[in-house]
Amino acid sequence: MLSWKLMKATERACRNICEEEEVAFHYNYHLSRFDRLILWIKGFIAGWPQEEEYKPLFGKIIRLWRRKQR
């Protein structure tokens, strides 16, 4: 059961990155390694309970962290 959840979460994480790369190519912007890491983490968190979107609380944490870095 755990391996199945890991597989689904990893698949969702990779799909999240691929979808965003297609959008970036379409709109001519560049994804940094940090952006890809965040997308992978969001996808993994969304894939663990097999949801389509990551938890809103996690998104708030990322936004706060990014603001502190500026």
Protein backbone atom coordinates (compact mmCIF):
# COMPACT_ATOMS: atom_id res chain seq x y z
CA MET A 1 0.00 0.00 0.00
CA LEU A 2 2.79 2.43 0.85
CA SER A 3 4.63 1.75 -2.40
CA TRP A 4 1.41 2.40 -4.32
CA LYS A 5 0.98 5.77 -2.58
CA LEU A 6 4.61 6.68 -3.26
CA MET A 7 4.21 5.81 -6.91
CA LYS A 8 1.03 7.87 -7.26
CA ALA A 9 2.54 10.84 -5.41
CA THR A 10 5.71 10.76 -7.50
CA GLU A 11 3.70 10.45 -10.72
CA ARG A 12 1.59 13.48 -9.77
CA ALA A 13 4.73 15.45 -8.87
CA CYS A 14 6.34 14.75 -12.23
CA ARG A 15 3.13 15.52 -14.09
CA ASN A 16 2.91 18.83 -12.22
CA ILE A 17 6.38 19.82 -13.46
CA CYS A 18 5.66 18.72 -17.05
CA GLU A 19 2.41 20.68 -17.21
CA GLU A 20 4.09 23.83 -15.92
CA GLU A 21 6.98 23.43 -18.38
CA GLU A 22 4.46 23.33 -21.24
CA VAL A 23 2.87 26.52 -19.94
CA ALA A 24 6.29 28.16 -19.56
CA PHE A 25 7.21 27.24 -23.13
CA HIS A 26 3.91 28.58 -24.42
CA TYR A 27 4.28 31.94 -22.64
CA ASN A 28 8.07 32.18 -23.15
CA TYR A 29 9.20 32.28 -19.56
CA HIS A 30 11.87 30.28 -17.78
CA LEU A 31 11.44 27.94 -14.82
CA SER A 32 14.31 27.98 -12.35
CA ARG A 33 15.43 24.93 -10.42
CA PHE A 34 13.73 26.35 -7.34
CA ASP A 35 10.45 26.69 -9.27
CA ARG A 36 10.72 23.07 -10.40
CA LEU A 37 11.45 21.95 -6.83
CA ILE A 38 8.40 23.78 -5.51
CA LEU A 39 6.24 22.33 -8.29
CA TRP A 40 7.51 18.83 -7.47
CA ILE A 41 6.77 19.28 -3.76
CA LYS A 42 3.28 20.64 -4.47
CA GLY A 43 2.57 17.75 -6.82
CA PHE A 44 3.87 15.18 -4.35
CA ILE A 45 1.70 16.59 -1.57
CA ALA A 46 -1.32 16.63 -3.88
CA GLY A 47 -0.59 13.10 -5.08
CA TRP A 48 -0.25 11.55 -1.63
CA PRO A 49 -3.98 11.77 -0.81
CA GLN A 50 -4.66 11.56 -4.58
CA GLU A 51 -6.03 15.07 -4.95
CA GLU A 52 -5.67 17.37 -7.93
CA GLU A 53 -4.34 20.40 -6.03
CA TYR A 54 -1.92 20.80 -3.17
CA LYS A 55 -3.12 21.88 0.25
CA PRO A 56 -3.74 25.64 0.49
CA LEU A 57 -1.80 25.89 3.76
CA PHE A 58 1.36 24.64 2.04
CA GLY A 59 0.97 27.30 -0.65
CA LYS A 60 0.75 29.99 2.02
CA ILE A 61 3.95 28.72 3.64
CA ILE A 62 5.79 28.86 0.30
CA ARG A 63 4.57 32.40 -0.43
CA LEU A 64 5.70 33.60 3.01
CA TRP A 65 9.08 31.96 2.57
CA ARG A 66 9.56 33.58 -0.83
CA ARG A 67 8.67 37.01 0.60
CA LYS A 68 11.32 36.61 3.29
CA GLN A 69 13.96 35.84 0.67
CA ARG A 70 13.34 39.12 -1.20
